[in-house]
C-alpha atoms as a PDB file:
ATOM      1  CA  MET A   1      13.079 -36.866 -26.603  1.00  0.00           C
ATOM      2  CA  ILE A   2      12.914 -36.518 -30.381  1.00  0.00           C
ATOM      3  CA  LYS A   3      10.522 -39.448 -30.906  1.00  0.00           C
ATOM      4  CA  ASN A   4       8.008 -37.762 -28.602  1.00  0.00           C
ATOM      5  CA  ILE A   5       8.102 -34.433 -30.440  1.00  0.00           C
ATOM      6  CA  ASN A   6       4.458 -34.678 -31.508  1.00  0.00           C
ATOM      7  CA  ARG A   7       3.223 -34.448 -27.958  1.00  0.00           C
ATOM      8  CA  LEU A   8       5.271 -31.350 -27.190  1.00  0.00           C
ATOM      9  CA  PHE A   9       2.168 -29.408 -28.130  1.00  0.00           C
ATOM     10  CA  LEU A  10      -0.752 -31.838 -28.095  1.00  0.00           C
ATOM     11  CA  ASN A  11       0.038 -33.342 -24.685  1.00  0.00           C
ATOM     12  CA  GLU A  12      -1.863 -36.513 -25.482  1.00  0.00           C
ATOM     13  CA  ILE A  13       0.173 -38.673 -23.096  1.00  0.00           C
ATOM     14  CA  ARG A  14       1.274 -36.557 -20.171  1.00  0.00           C
ATOM     15  CA  GLU A  15      -1.129 -35.150 -17.604  1.00  0.00           C
ATOM     16  CA  ASP A  16       0.927 -32.214 -16.401  1.00  0.00           C
ATOM     17  CA  LYS A  17      -0.384 -29.744 -18.995  1.00  0.00           C
ATOM     18  CA  SER A  18       1.557 -28.397 -21.953  1.00  0.00           C
ATOM     19  CA  LEU A  19       5.209 -29.311 -22.052  1.00  0.00           C
ATOM     20  CA  PHE A  20       6.144 -25.715 -22.815  1.00  0.00           C
ATOM     21  CA  ALA A  21       3.678 -23.870 -20.575  1.00  0.00           C
ATOM     22  CA  TYR A  22       5.463 -22.964 -17.365  1.00  0.00           C
ATOM     23  CA  LYS A  23       3.652 -22.829 -14.051  1.00  0.00           C
ATOM     24  CA  ALA A  24       2.819 -19.303 -13.013  1.00  0.00           C
ATOM     25  CA  LYS A  25       5.025 -18.013 -10.213  1.00  0.00           C
ATOM     26  CA  SER A  26       2.281 -16.342  -8.279  1.00  0.00           C
ATOM     27  CA  ASP A  27       4.402 -16.373  -5.139  1.00  0.00           C
ATOM     28  CA  SER A  28       6.593 -13.669  -6.692  1.00  0.00           C
ATOM     29  CA  ASP A  29       3.735 -11.192  -7.165  1.00  0.00           C
ATOM     30  CA  ILE A  30       3.310  -8.198  -4.857  1.00  0.00           C
ATOM     31  CA  ILE A  31      -0.439  -8.372  -5.465  1.00  0.00           C
ATOM     32  CA  GLU A  32      -2.525 -11.418  -6.276  1.00  0.00           C
ATOM     33  CA  ILE A  33      -2.652 -12.208  -9.982  1.00  0.00           C
ATOM     34  CA  GLU A  34      -4.889 -14.972 -11.247  1.00  0.00           C
ATOM     35  CA  TYR A  35      -3.161 -17.168 -13.832  1.00  0.00           C
ATOM     36  CA  GLN A  36      -5.923 -19.352 -15.262  1.00  0.00           C
ATOM     37  CA  THR A  37      -4.816 -21.803 -17.942  1.00  0.00           C
ATOM     38  CA  ASN A  38      -6.590 -24.119 -20.347  1.00  0.00           C
ATOM     39  CA  SER A  39      -6.204 -27.900 -20.504  1.00  0.00           C
ATOM     40  CA  LEU A  40      -2.995 -27.518 -22.533  1.00  0.00           C
ATOM     41  CA  GLY A  41      -1.469 -25.212 -19.949  1.00  0.00           C
ATOM     42  CA  TYR A  42      -1.722 -21.921 -21.844  1.00  0.00           C
ATOM     43  CA  ARG A  43      -3.073 -18.761 -20.279  1.00  0.00           C
ATOM     44  CA  ASP A  44      -6.181 -18.758 -22.439  1.00  0.00           C
ATOM     45  CA  LYS A  45      -9.584 -20.313 -22.954  1.00  0.00           C
ATOM     46  CA  GLU A  46      -9.824 -23.764 -24.511  1.00  0.00           C
ATOM     47  CA  PHE A  47      -8.709 -23.646 -28.137  1.00  0.00           C
ATOM     48  CA  ASP A  48     -11.566 -24.295 -30.557  1.00  0.00           C
ATOM     49  CA  GLY A  49     -10.107 -23.209 -33.884  1.00  0.00           C
ATOM     50  CA  ASN A  50     -12.428 -20.226 -34.169  1.00  0.00           C
ATOM     51  CA  SER A  51     -10.022 -17.468 -33.151  1.00  0.00           C
ATOM     52  CA  ASP A  52      -9.224 -14.733 -35.661  1.00  0.00           C
ATOM     53  CA  ILE A  53      -5.756 -14.101 -34.207  1.00  0.00           C
ATOM     54  CA  LEU A  54      -3.014 -16.367 -32.876  1.00  0.00           C
ATOM     55  CA  ALA A  55      -0.481 -14.730 -30.528  1.00  0.00           C
ATOM     56  CA  LEU A  56       3.073 -15.978 -30.012  1.00  0.00           C
ATOM     57  CA  GLY A  57       5.673 -14.881 -27.466  1.00  0.00           C
ATOM     58  CA  CYS A  58       7.362 -15.489 -24.137  1.00  0.00           C
ATOM     59  CA  SER A  59       6.553 -14.112 -20.665  1.00  0.00           C
ATOM     60  CA  MET A  60       5.980 -10.636 -22.118  1.00  0.00           C
ATOM     61  CA  THR A  61       3.025 -11.932 -24.138  1.00  0.00           C
ATOM     62  CA  TYR A  62       2.072 -14.460 -21.468  1.00  0.00           C
ATOM     63  CA  GLY A  63       1.493 -11.432 -19.273  1.00  0.00           C
ATOM     64  CA  GLN A  64       3.604 -12.356 -16.252  1.00  0.00           C
ATOM     65  CA  GLY A  65       2.771  -9.978 -13.417  1.00  0.00           C
ATOM     66  CA  LEU A  66      -0.373  -8.562 -15.040  1.00  0.00           C
ATOM     67  CA  GLN A  67      -4.055  -9.338 -15.036  1.00  0.00           C
ATOM     68  CA  LYS A  68      -5.119 -10.978 -18.290  1.00  0.00           C
ATOM     69  CA  GLU A  69      -7.207  -8.029 -19.452  1.00  0.00           C
ATOM     70  CA  LYS A  70      -4.155  -5.755 -19.136  1.00  0.00           C
ATOM     71  CA  ILE A  71      -1.935  -7.813 -21.484  1.00  0.00           C
ATOM     72  CA  TRP A  72      -1.262  -6.264 -24.897  1.00  0.00           C
ATOM     73  CA  THR A  73      -2.933  -9.167 -26.683  1.00  0.00           C
ATOM     74  CA  SER A  74      -6.180  -8.641 -24.764  1.00  0.00           C
ATOM     75  CA  ILE A  75      -6.116  -4.918 -25.510  1.00  0.00           C
ATOM     76  CA  LEU A  76      -5.373  -5.579 -29.199  1.00  0.00           C
ATOM     77  CA  SER A  77      -8.149  -8.152 -29.500  1.00  0.00           C
ATOM     78  CA  LYS A  78     -10.640  -5.732 -27.964  1.00  0.00           C
ATOM     79  CA  ASN A  79      -9.562  -2.813 -30.169  1.00  0.00           C
ATOM     80  CA  LEU A  80      -9.786  -4.909 -33.337  1.00  0.00           C
ATOM     81  CA  ASN A  81     -13.028  -6.561 -32.207  1.00  0.00           C
ATOM     82  CA  MET A  82     -11.478  -9.915 -33.129  1.00  0.00           C
ATOM     83  CA  SER A  83     -11.109 -13.124 -31.126  1.00  0.00           C
ATOM     84  CA  LEU A  84      -7.602 -14.168 -30.093  1.00  0.00           C
ATOM     85  CA  SER A  85      -5.845 -17.289 -28.840  1.00  0.00           C
ATOM     86  CA  SER A  86      -2.402 -17.194 -27.246  1.00  0.00           C
ATOM     87  CA  ILE A  87       0.214 -19.938 -27.012  1.00  0.00           C
ATOM     88  CA  ALA A  88       2.768 -17.637 -25.376  1.00  0.00           C
ATOM     89  CA  SER A  89       4.863 -19.374 -22.711  1.00  0.00           C
ATOM     90  CA  ARG A  90       7.149 -17.998 -20.038  1.00  0.00           C
ATOM     91  CA  GLY A  91      10.827 -18.300 -20.921  1.00  0.00           C
ATOM     92  CA  ASP A  92      10.141 -19.597 -24.414  1.00  0.00           C
ATOM     93  CA  SER A  93      12.237 -18.972 -27.522  1.00  0.00           C
ATOM     94  CA  THR A  94      11.336 -17.766 -31.007  1.00  0.00           C
ATOM     95  CA  ILE A  95      12.053 -21.210 -32.431  1.00  0.00           C
ATOM     96  CA  ASN A  96       9.927 -23.083 -29.897  1.00  0.00           C
ATOM     97  CA  GLN A  97       7.039 -20.686 -30.369  1.00  0.00           C
ATOM     98  CA  ILE A  98       7.056 -21.132 -34.143  1.00  0.00           C
ATOM     99  CA  ILE A  99       7.203 -24.919 -33.733  1.00  0.00           C
ATOM    100  CA  LYS A 100       4.142 -24.735 -31.495  1.00  0.00           C
ATOM    101  CA  ALA A 101       2.395 -22.435 -33.966  1.00  0.00           C
ATOM    102  CA  PHE A 102       2.630 -25.150 -36.626  1.00  0.00           C
ATOM    103  CA  TYR A 103       1.141 -27.669 -34.205  1.00  0.00           C
ATOM    104  CA  TYR A 104      -1.664 -25.181 -33.578  1.00  0.00           C
ATOM    105  CA  PHE A 105      -2.280 -24.798 -37.328  1.00  0.00           C
ATOM    106  CA  GLU A 106      -2.424 -28.578 -37.724  1.00  0.00           C
ATOM    107  CA  LYS A 107      -4.749 -29.174 -34.781  1.00  0.00           C
ATOM    108  CA  PHE A 108      -6.997 -26.104 -34.808  1.00  0.00           C
ATOM    109  CA  GLY A 109      -6.656 -24.621 -38.297  1.00  0.00           C
ATOM    110  CA  ASN A 110      -5.353 -21.306 -39.561  1.00  0.00           C
ATOM    111  CA  PRO A 111      -6.182 -17.941 -38.008  1.00  0.00           C
ATOM    112  CA  LYS A 112      -6.589 -14.784 -40.052  1.00  0.00           C
ATOM    113  CA  ILE A 113      -3.692 -13.031 -38.311  1.00  0.00           C
ATOM    114  CA  VAL A 114      -0.572 -14.104 -36.419  1.00  0.00           C
ATOM    115  CA  VAL A 115       0.958 -11.583 -34.022  1.00  0.00           C
ATOM    116  CA  ALA A 116       4.173 -12.184 -32.122  1.00  0.00           C
ATOM    117  CA  VAL A 117       6.491 -10.414 -29.719  1.00  0.00           C
ATOM    118  CA  PHE A 118       9.546 -12.647 -29.660  1.00  0.00           C
ATOM    119  CA  PRO A 119      12.586 -12.609 -27.371  1.00  0.00           C
ATOM    120  CA  TYR A 120      16.002 -12.699 -28.984  1.00  0.00           C
ATOM    121  CA  PHE A 121      19.202 -14.665 -28.371  1.00  0.00           C
ATOM    122  CA  ARG A 122      17.401 -17.732 -27.105  1.00  0.00           C
ATOM    123  CA  ILE A 123      17.743 -21.074 -28.817  1.00  0.00           C
ATOM    124  CA  PRO A 124      16.666 -24.571 -27.772  1.00  0.00           C
ATOM    125  CA  THR A 125      19.541 -26.977 -27.288  1.00  0.00           C
ATOM    126  CA  PRO A 126      19.510 -30.707 -26.511  1.00  0.00           C
ATOM    127  CA  TYR A 127      20.424 -31.666 -22.981  1.00  0.00           C
ATOM    128  CA  VAL A 128      23.072 -34.398 -22.711  1.00  0.00           C
ATOM    129  CA  GLU A 129      23.837 -35.494 -19.174  1.00  0.00           C
ATOM    130  CA  GLY A 130      27.503 -35.101 -18.322  1.00  0.00           C
ATOM    131  CA  LYS A 131      28.298 -33.123 -21.468  1.00  0.00           C
ATOM    132  CA  MET A 132      26.293 -29.917 -21.186  1.00  0.00           C
ATOM    133  CA  GLU A 133      26.289 -29.099 -17.494  1.00  0.00           C
ATOM    134  CA  ALA A 134      28.887 -26.354 -17.265  1.00  0.00           C
ATOM    135  CA  SER A 135      26.419 -23.883 -15.814  1.00  0.00           C
ATOM    136  CA  ASN A 136      23.850 -24.198 -13.081  1.00  0.00           C
ATOM    137  CA  MET A 137      21.225 -23.280 -15.648  1.00  0.00           C
ATOM    138  CA  PHE A 138      20.918 -26.935 -16.681  1.00  0.00           C
ATOM    139  CA  LYS A 139      21.171 -28.342 -13.175  1.00  0.00           C
ATOM    140  CA  LYS A 140      18.187 -26.298 -12.047  1.00  0.00           C
ATOM    141  CA  GLN A 141      15.903 -28.194 -14.422  1.00  0.00           C
ATOM    142  CA  ASN A 142      14.431 -31.552 -13.426  1.00  0.00           C
ATOM    143  CA  PHE A 143      14.993 -33.389 -16.678  1.00  0.00           C
ATOM    144  CA  GLU A 144      13.894 -36.750 -15.308  1.00  0.00           C
ATOM    145  CA  ASN A 145      10.345 -35.431 -15.113  1.00  0.00           C
ATOM    146  CA  ASN A 146      10.544 -32.786 -17.831  1.00  0.00           C
ATOM    147  CA  ASP A 147      11.963 -33.933 -21.145  1.00  0.00           C
ATOM    148  CA  TYR A 148      11.684 -30.600 -22.937  1.00  0.00           C
ATOM    149  CA  MET A 149      14.691 -28.881 -24.455  1.00  0.00           C
ATOM    150  CA  PRO A 150      16.131 -25.923 -22.514  1.00  0.00           C
ATOM    151  CA  TYR A 151      16.945 -22.647 -24.199  1.00  0.00           C
ATOM    152  CA  VAL A 152      20.205 -20.740 -24.295  1.00  0.00           C
ATOM    153  CA  GLU A 153      19.937 -17.131 -23.169  1.00  0.00           C
ATOM    154  CA  TYR A 154      22.781 -15.120 -24.637  1.00  0.00           C
ATOM    155  CA  ASN A 155      22.285 -11.978 -22.633  1.00  0.00           C
ATOM    156  CA  GLU A 156      23.880 -13.883 -19.752  1.00  0.00           C
ATOM    157  CA  ILE A 157      27.159 -14.498 -21.588  1.00  0.00           C
ATOM    158  CA  ASP A 158      28.865 -11.655 -19.769  1.00  0.00           C
ATOM    159  CA  ASN A 159      28.441 -13.551 -16.514  1.00  0.00           C
ATOM    160  CA  PHE A 160      30.869 -16.219 -17.709  1.00  0.00           C
ATOM    161  CA  ARG A 161      34.553 -16.126 -18.658  1.00  0.00           C
ATOM    162  CA  PHE A 162      35.602 -18.405 -21.463  1.00  0.00           C
ATOM    163  CA  ASN A 163      38.929 -19.423 -19.926  1.00  0.00           C
ATOM    164  CA  GLU A 164      37.065 -20.929 -16.981  1.00  0.00           C
ATOM    165  CA  TYR A 165      35.278 -23.287 -19.362  1.00  0.00           C
ATOM    166  CA  ALA A 166      38.053 -23.926 -21.893  1.00  0.00           C
ATOM    167  CA  LYS A 167      37.673 -27.656 -21.482  1.00  0.00           C
ATOM    168  CA  ALA A 168      34.689 -29.983 -21.733  1.00  0.00           C
ATOM    169  CA  PRO A 169      31.938 -29.878 -20.687  1.00  0.00           C
ATOM    170  CA  TYR A 170      31.244 -26.673 -22.566  1.00  0.00           C
ATOM    171  CA  ASP A 171      28.501 -24.183 -21.916  1.00  0.00           C
ATOM    172  CA  PRO A 172      26.587 -23.587 -25.183  1.00  0.00           C
ATOM    173  CA  ARG A 173      26.116 -19.943 -24.225  1.00  0.00           C
ATOM    174  CA  ILE A 174      29.841 -19.500 -24.750  1.00  0.00           C
ATOM    175  CA  ILE A 175      30.252 -21.641 -27.842  1.00  0.00           C
ATOM    176  CA  PHE A 176      27.308 -20.360 -29.888  1.00  0.00           C
ATOM    177  CA  THR A 177      27.616 -16.829 -31.223  1.00  0.00           C
ATOM    178  CA  GLU A 178      24.893 -14.223 -31.645  1.00  0.00           C
ATOM    179  CA  GLU A 179      25.162 -14.736 -35.404  1.00  0.00           C
ATOM    180  CA  PHE A 180      24.530 -18.454 -34.894  1.00  0.00           C
ATOM    181  CA  VAL A 181      21.328 -17.781 -32.974  1.00  0.00           C
ATOM    182  CA  PHE A 182      20.135 -15.181 -35.487  1.00  0.00           C
ATOM    183  CA  PHE A 183      20.770 -17.614 -38.355  1.00  0.00           C
ATOM    184  CA  TYR A 184      18.437 -20.245 -36.916  1.00  0.00           C
ATOM    185  CA  GLU A 185      15.861 -17.748 -35.734  1.00  0.00           C
ATOM    186  CA  LYS A 186      15.844 -16.353 -39.274  1.00  0.00           C
ATOM    187  CA  ILE A 187      15.194 -19.806 -40.734  1.00  0.00           C
ATOM    188  CA  PHE A 188      12.177 -20.341 -38.509  1.00  0.00           C
ATOM    189  CA  ILE A 189      10.768 -16.848 -39.050  1.00  0.00           C
ATOM    190  CA  ASP A 190      11.172 -17.372 -42.798  1.00  0.00           C
ATOM    191  CA  MET A 191       9.262 -20.663 -42.544  1.00  0.00           C
ATOM    192  CA  LEU A 192       6.472 -18.974 -40.620  1.00  0.00           C
ATOM    193  CA  ARG A 193       6.467 -16.103 -43.109  1.00  0.00           C
ATOM    194  CA  GLN A 194       6.176 -18.457 -46.096  1.00  0.00           C
ATOM    195  CA  TYR A 195       3.433 -20.509 -44.457  1.00  0.00           C
ATOM    196  CA  CYS A 196       1.429 -17.396 -43.672  1.00  0.00           C
ATOM    197  CA  LYS A 197       1.911 -16.077 -47.204  1.00  0.00           C
ATOM    198  CA  SER A 198       0.833 -19.395 -48.759  1.00  0.00           C
ATOM    199  CA  ASN A 199      -2.251 -19.638 -46.576  1.00  0.00           C
ATOM    200  CA  GLY A 200      -3.478 -16.050 -46.670  1.00  0.00           C
ATOM    201  CA  ILE A 201      -2.512 -15.291 -43.072  1.00  0.00           C
ATOM    202  CA  LYS A 202      -1.324 -11.808 -42.107  1.00  0.00           C
ATOM    203  CA  LEU A 203       1.863 -11.900 -40.023  1.00  0.00           C
ATOM    204  CA  PHE A 204       3.043  -9.130 -37.687  1.00  0.00           C
ATOM    205  CA  TRP A 205       5.945  -9.589 -35.298  1.00  0.00           C
ATOM    206  CA  SER A 206       8.359  -7.686 -33.095  1.00  0.00           C
ATOM    207  CA  LYS A 207      11.209  -8.220 -30.600  1.00  0.00           C
ATOM    208  CA  TRP A 208      10.632  -7.026 -27.077  1.00  0.00           C
ATOM    209  CA  GLU A 209      14.090  -6.928 -25.495  1.00  0.00           C
ATOM    210  CA  MET A 210      15.722  -3.527 -25.244  1.00  0.00           C
ATOM    211  CA  GLY A 211      18.684  -3.169 -27.556  1.00  0.00           C
ATOM    212  CA  TYR A 212      17.358  -5.110 -30.532  1.00  0.00           C
ATOM    213  CA  GLN A 213      15.785  -2.108 -32.233  1.00  0.00           C
ATOM    214  CA  LYS A 214      18.638   0.220 -31.297  1.00  0.00           C
ATOM    215  CA  VAL A 215      21.470  -2.101 -32.363  1.00  0.00           C
ATOM    216  CA  PHE A 216      20.510  -5.169 -34.363  1.00  0.00           C
ATOM    217  CA  TYR A 217      17.551  -3.839 -36.343  1.00  0.00           C
ATOM    218  CA  ASP A 218      19.588  -1.501 -38.576  1.00  0.00           C
ATOM    219  CA  GLU A 219      22.513  -3.910 -38.863  1.00  0.00           C
ATOM    220  CA  ILE A 220      20.278  -6.745 -40.016  1.00  0.00           C
ATOM    221  CA  ASN A 221      18.574  -4.478 -42.548  1.00  0.00           C
ATOM    222  CA  LYS A 222      21.931  -3.822 -44.202  1.00  0.00           C
ATOM    223  CA  PHE A 223      22.330  -7.423 -45.352  1.00  0.00           C
ATOM    224  CA  TYR A 224      18.789  -8.798 -45.142  1.00  0.00           C
ATOM    225  CA  PRO A 225      16.179  -6.032 -45.506  1.00  0.00           C
ATOM    226  CA  GLU A 226      13.400  -8.551 -46.128  1.00  0.00           C
ATOM    227  CA  HIS A 227      13.787  -9.886 -42.587  1.00  0.00           C
ATOM    228  CA  HIS A 228      11.767  -7.027 -41.122  1.00  0.00           C
ATOM    229  CA  LYS A 229       9.082  -6.950 -43.790  1.00  0.00           C
ATOM    230  CA  GLU A 230       6.307  -7.708 -41.279  1.00  0.00           C
ATOM    231  CA  TYR A 231       8.136  -6.215 -38.288  1.00  0.00           C
ATOM    232  CA  CYS A 232       6.227  -3.828 -36.032  1.00  0.00           C
ATOM    233  CA  TYR A 233       8.583  -1.223 -34.590  1.00  0.00           C
ATOM    234  CA  ILE A 234       7.414  -0.494 -31.047  1.00  0.00           C
ATOM    235  CA  ASP A 235       8.813   2.689 -29.521  1.00  0.00           C
ATOM    236  CA  ALA A 236       8.063   1.511 -25.984  1.00  0.00           C
ATOM    237  CA  PHE A 237      10.754  -1.158 -26.313  1.00  0.00           C
ATOM    238  CA  ASP A 238      13.363   1.591 -26.590  1.00  0.00           C
ATOM    239  CA  TRP A 239      12.407   3.265 -23.329  1.00  0.00           C
ATOM    240  CA  LEU A 240      15.115   3.400 -20.693  1.00  0.00           C
ATOM    241  CA  ILE A 241      13.802   1.551 -17.686  1.00  0.00           C
ATOM    242  CA  PRO A 242      15.916   0.855 -14.584  1.00  0.00           C
ATOM    243  CA  ASN A 243      16.142  -2.915 -14.238  1.00  0.00           C
ATOM    244  CA  THR A 244      15.514  -3.099 -10.537  1.00  0.00           C
ATOM    245  CA  VAL A 245      12.808  -4.325  -8.207  1.00  0.00           C
ATOM    246  CA  LYS A 246      13.393  -1.503  -5.725  1.00  0.00           C
ATOM    247  CA  TYR A 247      11.125   1.037  -7.396  1.00  0.00           C
ATOM    248  CA  ASP A 248       7.452   0.960  -8.221  1.00  0.00           C
ATOM    249  CA  LYS A 249       7.541   4.123 -10.317  1.00  0.00           C
ATOM    250  CA  PHE A 250      10.192   5.498 -12.617  1.00  0.00           C
ATOM    251  CA  SER A 251      11.090   9.091 -13.443  1.00  0.00           C
ATOM    252  CA  GLU A 252      11.820   8.103 -17.060  1.00  0.00           C
ATOM    253  CA  PHE A 253       8.086   7.923 -17.671  1.00  0.00           C
ATOM    254  CA  ASN A 254       7.187  11.277 -16.161  1.00  0.00           C
ATOM    255  CA  ALA A 255       7.842  13.086 -19.436  1.00  0.00           C
ATOM    256  CA  LEU A 256       5.433  10.800 -21.305  1.00  0.00           C
ATOM    257  CA  ASP A 257       2.159  12.648 -21.008  1.00  0.00           C
ATOM    258  CA  CYS A 258      -0.107   9.855 -22.163  1.00  0.00           C
ATOM    259  CA  HIS A 259      -2.508   7.326 -20.679  1.00  0.00           C
ATOM    260  CA  ASN A 260      -2.715   9.354 -17.500  1.00  0.00           C
ATOM    261  CA  GLU A 261      -6.008   7.680 -16.630  1.00  0.00           C
ATOM    262  CA  TYR A 262      -4.008   4.555 -15.754  1.00  0.00           C
ATOM    263  CA  ARG A 263      -1.026   6.251 -14.125  1.00  0.00           C
ATOM    264  CA  GLU A 264      -2.148   5.731 -10.540  1.00  0.00           C
ATOM    265  CA  GLU A 265      -2.598   1.994 -10.998  1.00  0.00           C
ATOM    266  CA  GLU A 266      -0.074  -0.017  -9.018  1.00  0.00           C
ATOM    267  CA  LEU A 267       1.059  -1.931 -12.109  1.00  0.00           C
ATOM    268  CA  PHE A 268       1.313   1.044 -14.459  1.00  0.00           C
ATOM    269  CA  TYR A 269       5.127   0.976 -14.637  1.00  0.00           C
ATOM    270  CA  ARG A 270       6.053  -2.578 -13.722  1.00  0.00           C
ATOM    271  CA  GLY A 271       4.306  -5.929 -13.336  1.00  0.00           C
ATOM    272  CA  ALA A 272       3.460  -7.496  -9.998  1.00  0.00           C
ATOM    273  CA  ASP A 273       6.355  -9.986 -10.088  1.00  0.00           C
ATOM    274  CA  ARG A 274       8.666  -8.044  -7.770  1.00  0.00           C
ATOM    275  CA  LYS A 275       9.187 -10.224  -4.701  1.00  0.00           C
ATOM    276  CA  THR A 276      12.090 -12.164  -6.123  1.00  0.00           C
ATOM    277  CA  SER A 277      15.523 -10.894  -7.099  1.00  0.00           C
ATOM    278  CA  GLY A 278      14.730 -11.071 -10.819  1.00  0.00           C
ATOM    279  CA  ASP A 279      13.750  -8.039 -12.840  1.00  0.00           C
ATOM    280  CA  PRO A 280       9.993  -7.442 -12.947  1.00  0.00           C
ATOM    281  CA  HIS A 281       8.186  -7.471 -16.270  1.00  0.00           C
ATOM    282  CA  TRP A 282       6.806  -4.399 -17.962  1.00  0.00           C
ATOM    283  CA  GLY A 283       3.595  -2.928 -16.659  1.00  0.00           C
ATOM    284  CA  ILE A 284       0.326  -1.683 -18.098  1.00  0.00           C
ATOM    285  CA  HIS A 285       1.794   1.363 -19.844  1.00  0.00           C
ATOM    286  CA  THR A 286       4.167  -0.597 -22.063  1.00  0.00           C
ATOM    287  CA  HIS A 287       1.468  -3.131 -22.924  1.00  0.00           C
ATOM    288  CA  ILE A 288      -0.871  -0.324 -23.969  1.00  0.00           C
ATOM    289  CA  HIS A 289       1.767   1.027 -26.344  1.00  0.00           C
ATOM    290  CA  VAL A 290       2.509  -2.422 -27.771  1.00  0.00           C
ATOM    291  CA  ALA A 291      -1.195  -2.938 -28.456  1.00  0.00           C
ATOM    292  CA  GLU A 292      -1.519   0.500 -30.053  1.00  0.00           C
ATOM    293  CA  ASP A 293       1.486   0.072 -32.340  1.00  0.00           C
ATOM    294  CA  MET A 294       0.392  -3.432 -33.352  1.00  0.00           C
ATOM    295  CA  TYR A 295      -3.121  -2.163 -33.999  1.00  0.00           C
ATOM    296  CA  ASN A 296      -1.870   0.622 -36.282  1.00  0.00           C
ATOM    297  CA  LYS A 297       0.428  -1.809 -38.124  1.00  0.00           C
ATOM    298  CA  ILE A 298      -2.391  -4.298 -38.662  1.00  0.00           C
ATOM    299  CA  ILE A 299      -4.953  -1.723 -39.796  1.00  0.00           C
ATOM    300  CA  ALA A 300      -2.463  -0.262 -42.285  1.00  0.00           C
ATOM    301  CA  ASN A 301      -1.757  -3.678 -43.818  1.00  0.00           C
ATOM    302  CA  LEU A 302      -5.055  -5.544 -43.723  1.00  0.00           C
ATOM    303  CA  ASN A 303      -6.011  -4.635 -47.280  1.00  0.00           C
END
């Protein structure tokens, strides 16, 4: 697995697209969404090294459940009148995205701007058969045909009780603490920050999952204020949204008297991925606000 790390991004050997680009789950959409990908498996045109902006992120930035023109990156690119390439992948982690960004820099050159909306509490871990199979999370993956590293999603910790797994094999979601994940995410963000600084690239990033800005943002600033130097605080990520697939519209948004020209669109509140039991992704309204806040942050810091 480690010796093949170079092809994690370039995909020079395998023929099943990018190792990190997940297949679109169009069968979960309530309306038909077209997920066109390039030869590397990313939801973008072919990379040519001429893009002004490189976008990083997980399914939020991939645009799961939305048409491509409705994703925040597309709106931002249009508003800035700048070209954009995206290597966002569904289910990806901050660390994996930054690794792929460095492969992008090496293969296609440096953009002028890097924008990112990262998840939090996800970390890639090696899979060792017979030693790291405590949860069904690992068994669901077909590792014989997919030799990528899975991620650990810490917001699922509450679903497990430690005393049930107090003997090997251990579930890494129980062993690794939130501080552990933050420590390694910090290292990678710092590396990306230093690279951008050394190469004249403007960096702007945020965290999309609700709770980060309300809980961790202020706590992190107490001991490491530099961590959020390029952070874009996005108010939309603090909205209270019922995590359910039962509703197409939510009363929480009724008090927000903005973007009414889009309010009657079916995907205004939530994305189209509502057929399965999982929570649907954010809709057009949130993406508009992400694009607006990123735009204002970029314009204020370009000079």
